[in-house]
Amino acid sequence: RTVECPGSRSDPSEYNLCLLLSRPVTMDEAPSEEGSHLHKRSQPRVLQPDLQQESSDLKDECKEFVNKISQYQKIVEGLIEVKDEMTKEVETEKMKAIGARNLLKTVAKKREAQQQQLQTLIAEKKLQHER
């Protein structure tokens, strides 16, 4: 059967890929110079064996990188969670401190008012005693 491959023969990689995928491949075929090779299971593969290994290594490195990023993300999420909890605790303690400060101010004002009343009462009693 005849196969028409798109593109010109000036782009060997595209043309060879089209030819490679459009015809049956036998085990006795040797790899061509353009890079068509047979896989261990007699399946056609486009990459040369050394490039295939590099590609596989890169794929493994990418998986490892993604795993590390996932671990990093989990750690960061944990830190954010801890920070949020600490923020809530700080806000709670801050409100308690503000409440205690306001209570102290109120108590101090009450004491001043009582002291003023007592001084006024003492002054009145002195006046009554002097008469």
N, C-alpha and C. Protein backbone atom coordinates (compact mmCIF):
# COMPACT_ATOMS: atom_id res chain seq x y z
N ARG A 1 0.84 -1.17 0.00
CA ARG A 1 0.00 0.00 0.00
C ARG A 1 0.88 1.23 0.00
N THR A 2 0.42 2.29 -0.62
CA THR A 2 1.18 3.52 -0.74
C THR A 2 0.62 4.55 0.24
N VAL A 3 1.52 5.24 0.93
CA VAL A 3 1.11 6.24 1.92
C VAL A 3 1.66 7.58 1.51
N GLU A 4 0.81 8.57 1.52
CA GLU A 4 1.24 9.94 1.24
C GLU A 4 1.47 10.63 2.58
N CYS A 5 2.68 11.06 2.81
CA CYS A 5 3.01 11.76 4.06
C CYS A 5 2.98 13.26 3.81
N PRO A 6 2.32 13.99 4.69
CA PRO A 6 2.25 15.44 4.52
C PRO A 6 3.63 16.06 4.75
N GLY A 7 3.80 17.23 4.28
CA GLY A 7 5.06 17.94 4.47
C GLY A 7 6.05 17.58 3.38
N SER A 8 7.14 18.24 3.41
CA SER A 8 8.15 17.97 2.38
C SER A 8 9.20 17.03 2.93
N ARG A 9 9.96 16.49 2.03
CA ARG A 9 11.05 15.59 2.44
C ARG A 9 12.21 16.39 3.02
N SER A 10 12.09 17.70 3.03
CA SER A 10 13.16 18.52 3.60
C SER A 10 13.16 18.46 5.13
N ASP A 11 12.04 18.05 5.73
CA ASP A 11 11.98 17.87 7.18
C ASP A 11 12.02 16.38 7.45
N PRO A 12 13.21 15.80 7.58
CA PRO A 12 13.33 14.34 7.67
C PRO A 12 12.64 13.75 8.88
N SER A 13 12.65 14.44 10.01
CA SER A 13 12.06 13.84 11.22
C SER A 13 10.55 13.66 11.06
N GLU A 14 9.87 14.66 10.51
CA GLU A 14 8.42 14.56 10.32
C GLU A 14 8.09 13.52 9.25
N TYR A 15 8.85 13.55 8.18
CA TYR A 15 8.61 12.62 7.08
C TYR A 15 8.87 11.18 7.52
N ASN A 16 9.98 10.96 8.22
CA ASN A 16 10.31 9.61 8.69
C ASN A 16 9.31 9.11 9.72
N LEU A 17 8.84 9.98 10.57
CA LEU A 17 7.83 9.59 11.56
C LEU A 17 6.57 9.13 10.84
N CYS A 18 6.17 9.86 9.82
CA CYS A 18 4.98 9.48 9.05
C CYS A 18 5.19 8.13 8.39
N LEU A 19 6.34 7.95 7.78
CA LEU A 19 6.63 6.66 7.14
C LEU A 19 6.68 5.53 8.15
N LEU A 20 7.31 5.79 9.27
CA LEU A 20 7.47 4.78 10.31
C LEU A 20 6.12 4.33 10.85
N LEU A 21 5.22 5.25 11.07
CA LEU A 21 3.93 4.92 11.65
C LEU A 21 2.94 4.37 10.63
N SER A 22 3.25 4.49 9.36
CA SER A 22 2.30 4.08 8.34
C SER A 22 2.59 2.71 7.73
N ARG A 23 3.64 2.05 8.16
CA ARG A 23 3.95 0.74 7.57
C ARG A 23 4.27 -0.25 8.67
N PRO A 24 4.09 -1.54 8.38
CA PRO A 24 4.45 -2.55 9.37
C PRO A 24 5.96 -2.62 9.54
N VAL A 25 6.38 -2.97 10.74
CA VAL A 25 7.81 -3.03 11.04
C VAL A 25 8.16 -4.47 11.37
N THR A 26 9.28 -4.93 10.87
CA THR A 26 9.73 -6.30 11.18
C THR A 26 10.97 -6.24 12.04
N MET A 27 11.25 -7.34 12.72
CA MET A 27 12.38 -7.40 13.64
C MET A 27 13.72 -7.31 12.92
N ASP A 28 13.77 -7.72 11.66
CA ASP A 28 15.06 -7.75 10.98
C ASP A 28 15.46 -6.39 10.43
N GLU A 29 14.62 -5.37 10.61
CA GLU A 29 14.97 -4.04 10.14
C GLU A 29 15.97 -3.42 11.10
N ALA A 30 16.99 -2.83 10.56
CA ALA A 30 18.00 -2.13 11.39
C ALA A 30 17.56 -0.70 11.58
N PRO A 31 17.97 -0.08 12.67
CA PRO A 31 17.61 1.33 12.87
C PRO A 31 18.18 2.19 11.74
N SER A 32 17.38 3.12 11.31
CA SER A 32 17.85 4.01 10.26
C SER A 32 18.65 5.14 10.88
N GLU A 33 19.34 5.88 10.06
CA GLU A 33 20.15 6.98 10.56
C GLU A 33 19.27 8.12 11.07
N GLU A 34 18.06 8.21 10.59
CA GLU A 34 17.18 9.30 11.00
C GLU A 34 16.59 9.09 12.39
N GLY A 35 16.74 7.90 12.97
CA GLY A 35 16.30 7.72 14.34
C GLY A 35 15.12 6.81 14.55
N SER A 36 14.68 6.04 13.57
CA SER A 36 13.59 5.10 13.82
C SER A 36 14.19 3.80 14.33
N HIS A 37 13.74 3.35 15.48
CA HIS A 37 14.27 2.16 16.12
C HIS A 37 13.12 1.28 16.56
N LEU A 38 13.45 0.01 16.84
CA LEU A 38 12.45 -0.90 17.38
C LEU A 38 12.60 -0.99 18.88
N HIS A 39 11.49 -0.97 19.55
CA HIS A 39 11.46 -1.15 20.99
C HIS A 39 11.68 -2.61 21.30
N LYS A 40 11.95 -2.96 22.54
CA LYS A 40 12.18 -4.35 22.94
C LYS A 40 11.01 -5.24 22.55
N ARG A 41 9.82 -4.70 22.55
CA ARG A 41 8.62 -5.50 22.24
C ARG A 41 8.22 -5.37 20.78
N SER A 42 9.14 -5.09 19.91
CA SER A 42 8.93 -4.96 18.47
C SER A 42 7.96 -3.84 18.11
N GLN A 43 7.85 -2.86 18.97
CA GLN A 43 7.01 -1.71 18.66
C GLN A 43 7.92 -0.61 18.13
N PRO A 44 7.44 0.13 17.14
CA PRO A 44 8.29 1.21 16.62
C PRO A 44 8.44 2.31 17.66
N ARG A 45 9.61 2.88 17.69
CA ARG A 45 9.82 4.03 18.57
C ARG A 45 10.57 5.08 17.78
N VAL A 46 10.28 6.30 18.06
CA VAL A 46 10.82 7.40 17.28
C VAL A 46 12.18 7.82 17.81
N LEU A 47 12.37 7.79 19.11
CA LEU A 47 13.61 8.27 19.70
C LEU A 47 14.71 7.23 19.62
N GLN A 48 15.92 7.70 19.52
CA GLN A 48 17.08 6.82 19.57
C GLN A 48 17.21 6.30 21.00
N PRO A 49 17.83 5.14 21.19
CA PRO A 49 17.91 4.56 22.53
C PRO A 49 18.52 5.49 23.57
N ASP A 50 19.58 6.22 23.22
CA ASP A 50 20.18 7.12 24.22
C ASP A 50 19.24 8.28 24.55
N LEU A 51 18.52 8.78 23.55
CA LEU A 51 17.54 9.84 23.81
C LEU A 51 16.36 9.29 24.59
N GLN A 52 16.01 8.04 24.31
CA GLN A 52 14.92 7.40 25.05
C GLN A 52 15.28 7.32 26.53
N GLN A 53 16.54 6.95 26.82
CA GLN A 53 16.99 6.85 28.21
C GLN A 53 17.00 8.23 28.87
N GLU A 54 17.49 9.23 28.16
CA GLU A 54 17.48 10.59 28.69
C GLU A 54 16.06 11.05 28.97
N SER A 55 15.16 10.73 28.05
CA SER A 55 13.76 11.09 28.22
C SER A 55 13.16 10.39 29.44
N SER A 56 13.49 9.13 29.60
CA SER A 56 13.00 8.37 30.75
C SER A 56 13.57 8.93 32.05
N ASP A 57 14.87 9.27 32.03
CA ASP A 57 15.49 9.87 33.22
C ASP A 57 14.83 11.20 33.56
N LEU A 58 14.58 12.01 32.54
CA LEU A 58 13.93 13.30 32.76
C LEU A 58 12.53 13.11 33.32
N LYS A 59 11.82 12.11 32.81
CA LYS A 59 10.48 11.81 33.32
C LYS A 59 10.55 11.45 34.80
N ASP A 60 11.54 10.61 35.17
CA ASP A 60 11.70 10.23 36.58
C ASP A 60 12.04 11.43 37.44
N GLU A 61 12.93 12.30 36.93
CA GLU A 61 13.28 13.51 37.68
C GLU A 61 12.07 14.41 37.86
N CYS A 62 11.25 14.50 36.83
CA CYS A 62 10.04 15.33 36.92
C CYS A 62 9.09 14.77 37.97
N LYS A 63 8.93 13.45 37.99
CA LYS A 63 8.06 12.83 39.00
C LYS A 63 8.59 13.12 40.40
N GLU A 64 9.91 12.99 40.55
CA GLU A 64 10.54 13.27 41.85
C GLU A 64 10.33 14.73 42.25
N PHE A 65 10.49 15.62 41.27
CA PHE A 65 10.29 17.05 41.53
C PHE A 65 8.85 17.32 41.95
N VAL A 66 7.91 16.73 41.25
CA VAL A 66 6.49 16.92 41.59
C VAL A 66 6.21 16.39 42.99
N ASN A 67 6.81 15.24 43.34
CA ASN A 67 6.63 14.70 44.69
C ASN A 67 7.20 15.64 45.74
N LYS A 68 8.38 16.20 45.46
CA LYS A 68 8.98 17.14 46.41
C LYS A 68 8.13 18.40 46.54
N ILE A 69 7.61 18.88 45.44
CA ILE A 69 6.75 20.06 45.48
C ILE A 69 5.49 19.75 46.29
N SER A 70 4.94 18.56 46.13
CA SER A 70 3.75 18.16 46.90
C SER A 70 4.07 18.11 48.38
N GLN A 71 5.22 17.55 48.73
CA GLN A 71 5.63 17.51 50.13
C GLN A 71 5.81 18.93 50.67
N TYR A 72 6.45 19.78 49.88
CA TYR A 72 6.66 21.17 50.28
C TYR A 72 5.32 21.87 50.49
N GLN A 73 4.38 21.62 49.60
CA GLN A 73 3.06 22.23 49.71
C GLN A 73 2.37 21.78 50.99
N LYS A 74 2.49 20.49 51.33
CA LYS A 74 1.89 19.99 52.56
C LYS A 74 2.53 20.65 53.78
N ILE A 75 3.85 20.81 53.75
CA ILE A 75 4.55 21.46 54.86
C ILE A 75 4.08 22.90 55.00
N VAL A 76 4.01 23.61 53.88
CA VAL A 76 3.57 25.01 53.91
C VAL A 76 2.14 25.11 54.42
N GLU A 77 1.26 24.21 53.96
CA GLU A 77 -0.12 24.22 54.44
C GLU A 77 -0.16 23.99 55.95
N GLY A 78 0.69 23.09 56.45
CA GLY A 78 0.77 22.85 57.88
C GLY A 78 1.23 24.09 58.63
N LEU A 79 2.24 24.77 58.08
CA LEU A 79 2.73 25.99 58.72
C LEU A 79 1.66 27.08 58.71
N ILE A 80 0.93 27.19 57.63
CA ILE A 80 -0.14 28.20 57.56
C ILE A 80 -1.21 27.88 58.59
N GLU A 81 -1.52 26.60 58.74
CA GLU A 81 -2.52 26.18 59.72
C GLU A 81 -2.06 26.54 61.14
N VAL A 82 -0.79 26.27 61.44
CA VAL A 82 -0.24 26.60 62.76
C VAL A 82 -0.27 28.12 62.97
N LYS A 83 0.11 28.87 61.93
CA LYS A 83 0.10 30.33 62.02
C LYS A 83 -1.31 30.84 62.29
N ASP A 84 -2.30 30.28 61.60
CA ASP A 84 -3.68 30.70 61.81
C ASP A 84 -4.15 30.41 63.23
N GLU A 85 -3.78 29.24 63.75
CA GLU A 85 -4.14 28.90 65.13
C GLU A 85 -3.48 29.87 66.11
N MET A 86 -2.20 30.16 65.88
CA MET A 86 -1.49 31.08 66.76
C MET A 86 -2.08 32.48 66.67
N THR A 87 -2.49 32.88 65.48
CA THR A 87 -3.12 34.19 65.30
C THR A 87 -4.39 34.28 66.12
N LYS A 88 -5.19 33.21 66.10
CA LYS A 88 -6.43 33.20 66.90
C LYS A 88 -6.11 33.30 68.38
N GLU A 89 -5.09 32.55 68.83
CA GLU A 89 -4.70 32.60 70.24
C GLU A 89 -4.22 33.99 70.63
N VAL A 90 -3.41 34.60 69.76
CA VAL A 90 -2.91 35.95 70.04
C VAL A 90 -4.06 36.93 70.13
N GLU A 91 -5.02 36.83 69.21
CA GLU A 91 -6.18 37.73 69.24
C GLU A 91 -6.98 37.54 70.53
N THR A 92 -7.15 36.28 70.94
CA THR A 92 -7.88 36.00 72.18
C THR A 92 -7.16 36.62 73.36
N GLU A 93 -5.85 36.42 73.45
CA GLU A 93 -5.07 36.99 74.55
C GLU A 93 -5.07 38.51 74.49
N LYS A 94 -5.03 39.05 73.30
CA LYS A 94 -5.07 40.51 73.14
C LYS A 94 -6.38 41.07 73.68
N MET A 95 -7.48 40.40 73.35
CA MET A 95 -8.79 40.86 73.84
C MET A 95 -8.86 40.75 75.37
N LYS A 96 -8.29 39.67 75.92
CA LYS A 96 -8.25 39.52 77.38
C LYS A 96 -7.45 40.66 78.00
N ALA A 97 -6.31 40.98 77.41
CA ALA A 97 -5.46 42.06 77.93
C ALA A 97 -6.17 43.40 77.86
N ILE A 98 -6.85 43.66 76.76
CA ILE A 98 -7.60 44.92 76.63
C ILE A 98 -8.70 44.98 77.68
N GLY A 99 -9.39 43.86 77.87
CA GLY A 99 -10.44 43.80 78.89
C GLY A 99 -9.88 44.04 80.29
N ALA A 100 -8.74 43.42 80.60
CA ALA A 100 -8.12 43.61 81.91
C ALA A 100 -7.68 45.06 82.09
N ARG A 101 -7.11 45.66 81.06
CA ARG A 101 -6.68 47.06 81.14
C ARG A 101 -7.88 47.97 81.38
N ASN A 102 -8.97 47.74 80.65
CA ASN A 102 -10.18 48.55 80.84
C ASN A 102 -10.74 48.37 82.24
N LEU A 103 -10.71 47.15 82.76
CA LEU A 103 -11.18 46.89 84.12
C LEU A 103 -10.33 47.64 85.14
N LEU A 104 -9.01 47.62 84.95
CA LEU A 104 -8.13 48.35 85.85
C LEU A 104 -8.40 49.85 85.81
N LYS A 105 -8.63 50.38 84.61
CA LYS A 105 -8.96 51.81 84.50
C LYS A 105 -10.25 52.13 85.24
N THR A 106 -11.23 51.25 85.10
CA THR A 106 -12.52 51.45 85.77
C THR A 106 -12.34 51.40 87.28
N VAL A 107 -11.58 50.43 87.77
CA VAL A 107 -11.33 50.31 89.21
C VAL A 107 -10.60 51.54 89.72
N ALA A 108 -9.61 52.01 88.96
CA ALA A 108 -8.85 53.20 89.37
C ALA A 108 -9.77 54.42 89.44
N LYS A 109 -10.66 54.58 88.46
CA LYS A 109 -11.58 55.72 88.47
C LYS A 109 -12.53 55.63 89.66
N LYS A 110 -13.01 54.41 89.97
CA LYS A 110 -13.90 54.24 91.12
C LYS A 110 -13.18 54.61 92.41
N ARG A 111 -11.92 54.20 92.54
CA ARG A 111 -11.15 54.54 93.74
C ARG A 111 -10.97 56.05 93.86
N GLU A 112 -10.66 56.69 92.74
CA GLU A 112 -10.51 58.15 92.76
C GLU A 112 -11.82 58.81 93.20
N ALA A 113 -12.93 58.30 92.67
CA ALA A 113 -14.24 58.87 93.04
C ALA A 113 -14.51 58.63 94.52
N GLN A 114 -14.21 57.43 95.03
CA GLN A 114 -14.41 57.15 96.46
C GLN A 114 -13.51 58.03 97.31
N GLN A 115 -12.26 58.19 96.87
CA GLN A 115 -11.33 59.04 97.62
C GLN A 115 -11.84 60.47 97.65
N GLN A 116 -12.35 60.94 96.55
CA GLN A 116 -12.89 62.30 96.48
C GLN A 116 -14.08 62.44 97.43
N GLN A 117 -14.96 61.42 97.42
CA GLN A 117 -16.12 61.46 98.33
C GLN A 117 -15.68 61.45 99.78
N LEU A 118 -14.70 60.62 100.10
CA LEU A 118 -14.21 60.56 101.48
C LEU A 118 -13.56 61.87 101.90
N GLN A 119 -12.82 62.50 101.02
CA GLN A 119 -12.19 63.79 101.35
C GLN A 119 -13.26 64.86 101.55
N THR A 120 -14.30 64.81 100.72
CA THR A 120 -15.40 65.77 100.89
C THR A 120 -16.09 65.53 102.22
N LEU A 121 -16.33 64.27 102.57
CA LEU A 121 -16.97 63.91 103.83
C LEU A 121 -16.10 64.35 105.01
N ILE A 122 -14.79 64.15 104.91
CA ILE A 122 -13.88 64.57 105.98
C ILE A 122 -13.93 66.09 106.14
N ALA A 123 -13.93 66.80 105.03
CA ALA A 123 -13.97 68.27 105.09
C ALA A 123 -15.27 68.73 105.74
N GLU A 124 -16.40 68.09 105.43
CA GLU A 124 -17.69 68.45 106.04
C GLU A 124 -17.67 68.18 107.54
N LYS A 125 -17.11 67.03 107.92
CA LYS A 125 -17.07 66.68 109.35
C LYS A 125 -16.19 67.66 110.11
N LYS A 126 -15.08 68.10 109.51
CA LYS A 126 -14.21 69.08 110.17
C LYS A 126 -14.97 70.38 110.37
N LEU A 127 -15.72 70.80 109.37
CA LEU A 127 -16.49 72.04 109.48
C LEU A 127 -17.54 71.92 110.58
N GLN A 128 -18.17 70.78 110.66
CA GLN A 128 -19.18 70.58 111.71
C GLN A 128 -18.52 70.57 113.08
N HIS A 129 -17.36 70.02 113.20
CA HIS A 129 -16.66 69.96 114.47
C HIS A 129 -16.19 71.34 114.91
N GLU A 130 -15.81 72.18 113.99
CA GLU A 130 -15.32 73.51 114.30
C GLU A 130 -16.45 74.42 114.73
N ARG A 131 -17.62 74.19 114.44
CA ARG A 131 -18.74 75.06 114.80
C ARG A 131 -19.12 74.81 116.17
